[in-house]
Amino acid sequence: MEKYLALLRGINVGGKNIIKMAELQSLFSALGFAAVFTYINSGNIIFATTCTDEKALQAKCEKALQEKWNSEIPVFIMAANHLTAALKNAPVWWGQDITAKHNAIFTFAPLTAEAFMKEVGHNEYEQYYCYKNIVFWSAAAKDFAKTKLSRIPGTALYQQITVRNSRTTYKLQQLASGV
């Protein structure tokens, strides 16, 4: 069986799409996934399955969420070993400075990390590195409001991504790989 991560977009934020993690875990188990567990309240699920088609897994999860909660919740699916490879290729500056914000931006296909950054742009307050469908992004916390990334919430482009901070991203990789 292969381990996967499902990153749900836009749940338990601002009083919208409120979903208890225990209910989410039960739903994923009912879908036939094994070793299902969640991490924190922002829609991070780790599970195992014999299916290796990430698009099919995404469709299956999104359909189940729609049926259960009558809400369209985008789901980013990624093999756990993909996250491990991405973090091994992350730039050395990402996640290191405790005075900075460090985000992993996961882009929903067909949007690529490079296309996302080309659309958003960047300035002297932020740095980024693209690895497949992930953007590793950092900026000093004091300068976040000056970044191009800070201006995209509420845009159509923002609807095509889900974001996790570096601590959450590293923890998900640790949990998924059983370390």
C-alpha atoms as a PDB file:
ATOM      1  CA  MET A   1       0.000   0.000   0.000  1.00  0.00           C
ATOM      2  CA  GLU A   2       1.087   3.522  -0.784  1.00  0.00           C
ATOM      3  CA  LYS A   3       0.733   6.360   1.737  1.00  0.00           C
ATOM      4  CA  TYR A   4      -0.884   9.600   0.631  1.00  0.00           C
ATOM      5  CA  LEU A   5      -1.675  13.000   2.021  1.00  0.00           C
ATOM      6  CA  ALA A   6      -4.959  14.732   1.403  1.00  0.00           C
ATOM      7  CA  LEU A   7      -4.823  18.466   2.040  1.00  0.00           C
ATOM      8  CA  LEU A   8      -8.279  19.984   2.171  1.00  0.00           C
ATOM      9  CA  ARG A   9      -8.630  23.593   1.125  1.00  0.00           C
ATOM     10  CA  GLY A  10     -10.640  26.089   3.115  1.00  0.00           C
ATOM     11  CA  ILE A  11     -12.065  24.062   5.975  1.00  0.00           C
ATOM     12  CA  ASN A  12     -12.430  25.321   9.548  1.00  0.00           C
ATOM     13  CA  VAL A  13     -11.445  28.838   8.488  1.00  0.00           C
ATOM     14  CA  GLY A  14     -13.501  31.889   9.339  1.00  0.00           C
ATOM     15  CA  GLY A  15     -16.484  29.824  10.466  1.00  0.00           C
ATOM     16  CA  LYS A  16     -16.895  28.174   7.062  1.00  0.00           C
ATOM     17  CA  ASN A  17     -16.820  24.492   6.160  1.00  0.00           C
ATOM     18  CA  ILE A  18     -16.602  23.410   9.795  1.00  0.00           C
ATOM     19  CA  ILE A  19     -15.600  19.749   9.850  1.00  0.00           C
ATOM     20  CA  LYS A  20     -14.526  17.776  12.886  1.00  0.00           C
ATOM     21  CA  MET A  21     -11.372  15.789  12.284  1.00  0.00           C
ATOM     22  CA  ALA A  22     -12.924  12.658  13.831  1.00  0.00           C
ATOM     23  CA  GLU A  23     -15.727  12.829  11.244  1.00  0.00           C
ATOM     24  CA  LEU A  24     -13.195  13.359   8.465  1.00  0.00           C
ATOM     25  CA  GLN A  25     -11.188  10.374   9.648  1.00  0.00           C
ATOM     26  CA  SER A  26     -14.351   8.237   9.707  1.00  0.00           C
ATOM     27  CA  LEU A  27     -15.287   9.344   6.196  1.00  0.00           C
ATOM     28  CA  PHE A  28     -11.880   8.450   4.773  1.00  0.00           C
ATOM     29  CA  SER A  29     -12.003   5.077   6.520  1.00  0.00           C
ATOM     30  CA  ALA A  30     -15.471   4.468   5.062  1.00  0.00           C
ATOM     31  CA  LEU A  31     -14.012   5.165   1.614  1.00  0.00           C
ATOM     32  CA  GLY A  32     -11.855   2.069   2.086  1.00  0.00           C
ATOM     33  CA  PHE A  33      -8.601   3.802   2.931  1.00  0.00           C
ATOM     34  CA  ALA A  34      -6.351   2.216   5.557  1.00  0.00           C
ATOM     35  CA  ALA A  35      -4.288   3.711   8.382  1.00  0.00           C
ATOM     36  CA  VAL A  36      -6.272   6.963   8.252  1.00  0.00           C
ATOM     37  CA  PHE A  37      -5.375   9.734  10.632  1.00  0.00           C
ATOM     38  CA  THR A  38      -5.617  13.496  10.701  1.00  0.00           C
ATOM     39  CA  TYR A  39      -3.242  16.177  11.861  1.00  0.00           C
ATOM     40  CA  ILE A  40      -4.455  19.449  13.371  1.00  0.00           C
ATOM     41  CA  ASN A  41      -7.763  21.041  12.510  1.00  0.00           C
ATOM     42  CA  SER A  42      -6.943  22.395   9.053  1.00  0.00           C
ATOM     43  CA  GLY A  43      -7.790  19.343   6.950  1.00  0.00           C
ATOM     44  CA  ASN A  44      -4.630  17.260   6.774  1.00  0.00           C
ATOM     45  CA  ILE A  45      -5.284  13.551   6.299  1.00  0.00           C
ATOM     46  CA  ILE A  46      -2.767  10.766   5.903  1.00  0.00           C
ATOM     47  CA  PHE A  47      -3.991   7.441   4.569  1.00  0.00           C
ATOM     48  CA  ALA A  48      -2.884   4.319   2.755  1.00  0.00           C
ATOM     49  CA  THR A  49      -4.391   2.735  -0.337  1.00  0.00           C
ATOM     50  CA  THR A  50      -3.517   0.409  -3.185  1.00  0.00           C
ATOM     51  CA  CYS A  51      -4.785   2.961  -5.708  1.00  0.00           C
ATOM     52  CA  THR A  52      -1.955   4.900  -7.311  1.00  0.00           C
ATOM     53  CA  ASP A  53      -4.034   7.273  -9.436  1.00  0.00           C
ATOM     54  CA  GLU A  54      -3.891  10.633  -7.641  1.00  0.00           C
ATOM     55  CA  LYS A  55      -6.559  12.192  -9.889  1.00  0.00           C
ATOM     56  CA  ALA A  56      -8.944   9.321  -9.120  1.00  0.00           C
ATOM     57  CA  LEU A  57      -8.214   9.636  -5.398  1.00  0.00           C
ATOM     58  CA  GLN A  58      -8.846  13.379  -5.558  1.00  0.00           C
ATOM     59  CA  ALA A  59     -12.170  12.879  -7.347  1.00  0.00           C
ATOM     60  CA  LYS A  60     -13.226  10.169  -4.885  1.00  0.00           C
ATOM     61  CA  CYS A  61     -12.433  12.347  -1.865  1.00  0.00           C
ATOM     62  CA  GLU A  62     -14.042  15.486  -3.269  1.00  0.00           C
ATOM     63  CA  LYS A  63     -17.207  13.570  -4.176  1.00  0.00           C
ATOM     64  CA  ALA A  64     -17.439  12.060  -0.688  1.00  0.00           C
ATOM     65  CA  LEU A  65     -16.967  15.463   0.942  1.00  0.00           C
ATOM     66  CA  GLN A  66     -19.642  16.964  -1.318  1.00  0.00           C
ATOM     67  CA  GLU A  67     -22.088  14.193  -0.451  1.00  0.00           C
ATOM     68  CA  LYS A  68     -21.391  14.307   3.297  1.00  0.00           C
ATOM     69  CA  TRP A  69     -21.206  18.081   3.855  1.00  0.00           C
ATOM     70  CA  ASN A  70     -22.919  19.435   0.733  1.00  0.00           C
ATOM     71  CA  SER A  71     -19.942  21.672   0.071  1.00  0.00           C
ATOM     72  CA  GLU A  72     -17.348  21.767  -2.674  1.00  0.00           C
ATOM     73  CA  ILE A  73     -14.050  21.312  -0.878  1.00  0.00           C
ATOM     74  CA  PRO A  74     -10.969  21.041  -3.080  1.00  0.00           C
ATOM     75  CA  VAL A  75      -8.596  18.247  -2.076  1.00  0.00           C
ATOM     76  CA  PHE A  76      -4.908  18.209  -2.927  1.00  0.00           C
ATOM     77  CA  ILE A  77      -3.624  14.615  -3.076  1.00  0.00           C
ATOM     78  CA  MET A  78       0.059  13.788  -2.949  1.00  0.00           C
ATOM     79  CA  ALA A  79       1.998  10.583  -2.409  1.00  0.00           C
ATOM     80  CA  ALA A  80       3.924  10.762   0.849  1.00  0.00           C
ATOM     81  CA  ASN A  81       7.163   9.954  -0.945  1.00  0.00           C
ATOM     82  CA  HIS A  82       6.581  12.994  -3.192  1.00  0.00           C
ATOM     83  CA  LEU A  83       6.480  15.239  -0.132  1.00  0.00           C
ATOM     84  CA  THR A  84       9.670  13.622   1.169  1.00  0.00           C
ATOM     85  CA  ALA A  85      11.410  14.265  -2.168  1.00  0.00           C
ATOM     86  CA  ALA A  86      10.131  17.850  -2.246  1.00  0.00           C
ATOM     87  CA  LEU A  87      11.444  18.575   1.237  1.00  0.00           C
ATOM     88  CA  LYS A  88      14.819  17.063   0.356  1.00  0.00           C
ATOM     89  CA  ASN A  89      14.918  19.527  -2.550  1.00  0.00           C
ATOM     90  CA  ALA A  90      13.662  22.527  -0.584  1.00  0.00           C
ATOM     91  CA  PRO A  91      16.073  25.463  -0.485  1.00  0.00           C
ATOM     92  CA  VAL A  92      18.284  25.705   2.598  1.00  0.00           C
ATOM     93  CA  TRP A  93      16.696  29.012   3.641  1.00  0.00           C
ATOM     94  CA  TRP A  94      13.168  27.614   3.795  1.00  0.00           C
ATOM     95  CA  GLY A  95      11.843  26.977   7.283  1.00  0.00           C
ATOM     96  CA  GLN A  96      15.023  28.057   9.046  1.00  0.00           C
ATOM     97  CA  ASP A  97      14.589  31.650  10.236  1.00  0.00           C
ATOM     98  CA  ILE A  98      12.158  31.725  13.177  1.00  0.00           C
ATOM     99  CA  THR A  99      11.434  35.426  12.570  1.00  0.00           C
ATOM    100  CA  ALA A 100      10.117  34.694   9.077  1.00  0.00           C
ATOM    101  CA  LYS A 101       6.990  33.180   7.566  1.00  0.00           C
ATOM    102  CA  HIS A 102       7.672  30.005   5.615  1.00  0.00           C
ATOM    103  CA  ASN A 103       4.866  28.503   3.535  1.00  0.00           C
ATOM    104  CA  ALA A 104       4.520  25.527   1.256  1.00  0.00           C
ATOM    105  CA  ILE A 105       2.030  26.478  -1.441  1.00  0.00           C
ATOM    106  CA  PHE A 106       0.461  23.443  -3.100  1.00  0.00           C
ATOM    107  CA  THR A 107      -1.017  24.181  -6.528  1.00  0.00           C
ATOM    108  CA  PHE A 108      -4.037  22.324  -7.849  1.00  0.00           C
ATOM    109  CA  ALA A 109      -3.599  20.949 -11.375  1.00  0.00           C
ATOM    110  CA  PRO A 110      -3.571  22.197 -14.033  1.00  0.00           C
ATOM    111  CA  LEU A 111      -1.917  25.180 -12.301  1.00  0.00           C
ATOM    112  CA  THR A 112       1.804  24.621 -11.829  1.00  0.00           C
ATOM    113  CA  ALA A 113       4.042  26.151  -9.188  1.00  0.00           C
ATOM    114  CA  GLU A 114       5.917  28.106 -11.853  1.00  0.00           C
ATOM    115  CA  ALA A 115       2.717  29.443 -13.428  1.00  0.00           C
ATOM    116  CA  PHE A 116       1.408  30.428 -10.004  1.00  0.00           C
ATOM    117  CA  MET A 117       4.546  32.422  -9.184  1.00  0.00           C
ATOM    118  CA  LYS A 118       4.608  34.002 -12.634  1.00  0.00           C
ATOM    119  CA  GLU A 119       1.045  35.212 -12.062  1.00  0.00           C
ATOM    120  CA  VAL A 120       1.629  36.392  -8.473  1.00  0.00           C
ATOM    121  CA  GLY A 121       5.104  37.788  -8.988  1.00  0.00           C
ATOM    122  CA  HIS A 122       7.469  38.557  -6.160  1.00  0.00           C
ATOM    123  CA  ASN A 123       9.442  41.448  -4.781  1.00  0.00           C
ATOM    124  CA  GLU A 124      12.466  42.133  -2.590  1.00  0.00           C
ATOM    125  CA  TYR A 125      10.568  41.147   0.570  1.00  0.00           C
ATOM    126  CA  GLU A 126      10.015  37.531  -0.409  1.00  0.00           C
ATOM    127  CA  GLN A 127      11.862  34.589  -1.841  1.00  0.00           C
ATOM    128  CA  TYR A 128      10.573  31.434  -3.419  1.00  0.00           C
ATOM    129  CA  TYR A 129      11.585  28.179  -5.023  1.00  0.00           C
ATOM    130  CA  CYS A 130       9.385  25.935  -7.168  1.00  0.00           C
ATOM    131  CA  TYR A 131       9.552  22.160  -6.960  1.00  0.00           C
ATOM    132  CA  LYS A 132       7.012  20.410  -9.175  1.00  0.00           C
ATOM    133  CA  ASN A 133       3.610  21.496  -7.823  1.00  0.00           C
ATOM    134  CA  ILE A 134       4.914  23.104  -4.614  1.00  0.00           C
ATOM    135  CA  VAL A 135       6.185  26.616  -4.042  1.00  0.00           C
ATOM    136  CA  PHE A 136       8.512  27.026  -1.065  1.00  0.00           C
ATOM    137  CA  TRP A 137       7.982  30.639  -0.061  1.00  0.00           C
ATOM    138  CA  SER A 138       9.472  32.793   2.714  1.00  0.00           C
ATOM    139  CA  ALA A 139       9.383  36.374   3.917  1.00  0.00           C
ATOM    140  CA  ALA A 140      10.236  38.188   7.125  1.00  0.00           C
ATOM    141  CA  ALA A 141       7.126  38.231   9.300  1.00  0.00           C
ATOM    142  CA  LYS A 142       7.444  42.012   9.725  1.00  0.00           C
ATOM    143  CA  ASP A 143       7.373  42.441   5.941  1.00  0.00           C
ATOM    144  CA  PHE A 144       4.575  40.019   5.076  1.00  0.00           C
ATOM    145  CA  ALA A 145       2.081  42.786   4.270  1.00  0.00           C
ATOM    146  CA  LYS A 146       4.539  44.135   1.689  1.00  0.00           C
ATOM    147  CA  THR A 147       4.744  40.842  -0.244  1.00  0.00           C
ATOM    148  CA  LYS A 148       2.933  40.062  -3.465  1.00  0.00           C
ATOM    149  CA  LEU A 149       1.644  36.820  -1.909  1.00  0.00           C
ATOM    150  CA  SER A 150      -0.181  38.765   0.809  1.00  0.00           C
ATOM    151  CA  ARG A 151      -2.388  40.367  -1.863  1.00  0.00           C
ATOM    152  CA  ILE A 152      -3.914  37.257  -3.383  1.00  0.00           C
ATOM    153  CA  PRO A 153      -6.525  36.098  -0.808  1.00  0.00           C
ATOM    154  CA  GLY A 154      -9.965  36.426  -2.337  1.00  0.00           C
ATOM    155  CA  THR A 155      -8.715  36.176  -5.915  1.00  0.00           C
ATOM    156  CA  ALA A 156      -9.492  33.400  -8.388  1.00  0.00           C
ATOM    157  CA  LEU A 157      -5.836  32.392  -8.250  1.00  0.00           C
ATOM    158  CA  TYR A 158      -6.065  31.907  -4.480  1.00  0.00           C
ATOM    159  CA  GLN A 159      -8.813  29.344  -5.051  1.00  0.00           C
ATOM    160  CA  GLN A 160      -6.313  27.151  -6.920  1.00  0.00           C
ATOM    161  CA  ILE A 161      -3.903  26.619  -4.022  1.00  0.00           C
ATOM    162  CA  THR A 162      -3.744  25.356  -0.476  1.00  0.00           C
ATOM    163  CA  VAL A 163      -1.073  26.549   1.923  1.00  0.00           C
ATOM    164  CA  ARG A 164       0.669  24.941   4.890  1.00  0.00           C
ATOM    165  CA  ASN A 165       3.377  26.526   7.003  1.00  0.00           C
ATOM    166  CA  SER A 166       6.788  24.871   7.233  1.00  0.00           C
ATOM    167  CA  ARG A 167       6.166  23.325  10.668  1.00  0.00           C
ATOM    168  CA  THR A 168       2.983  21.643   9.464  1.00  0.00           C
ATOM    169  CA  THR A 169       4.603  20.528   6.223  1.00  0.00           C
ATOM    170  CA  TYR A 170       7.566  18.933   7.996  1.00  0.00           C
ATOM    171  CA  LYS A 171       5.274  17.309  10.564  1.00  0.00           C
ATOM    172  CA  LEU A 172       3.074  15.820   7.826  1.00  0.00           C
ATOM    173  CA  GLN A 173       6.139  14.359   6.146  1.00  0.00           C
ATOM    174  CA  GLN A 174       7.310  12.928   9.467  1.00  0.00           C
ATOM    175  CA  LEU A 175       3.911  11.391  10.227  1.00  0.00           C
ATOM    176  CA  ALA A 176       3.446  10.006   6.710  1.00  0.00           C
ATOM    177  CA  SER A 177       6.852   8.369   6.664  1.00  0.00           C
ATOM    178  CA  GLY A 178       6.396   6.915  10.154  1.00  0.00           C
ATOM    179  CA  VAL A 179       9.474   8.648  11.560  1.00  0.00           C
END
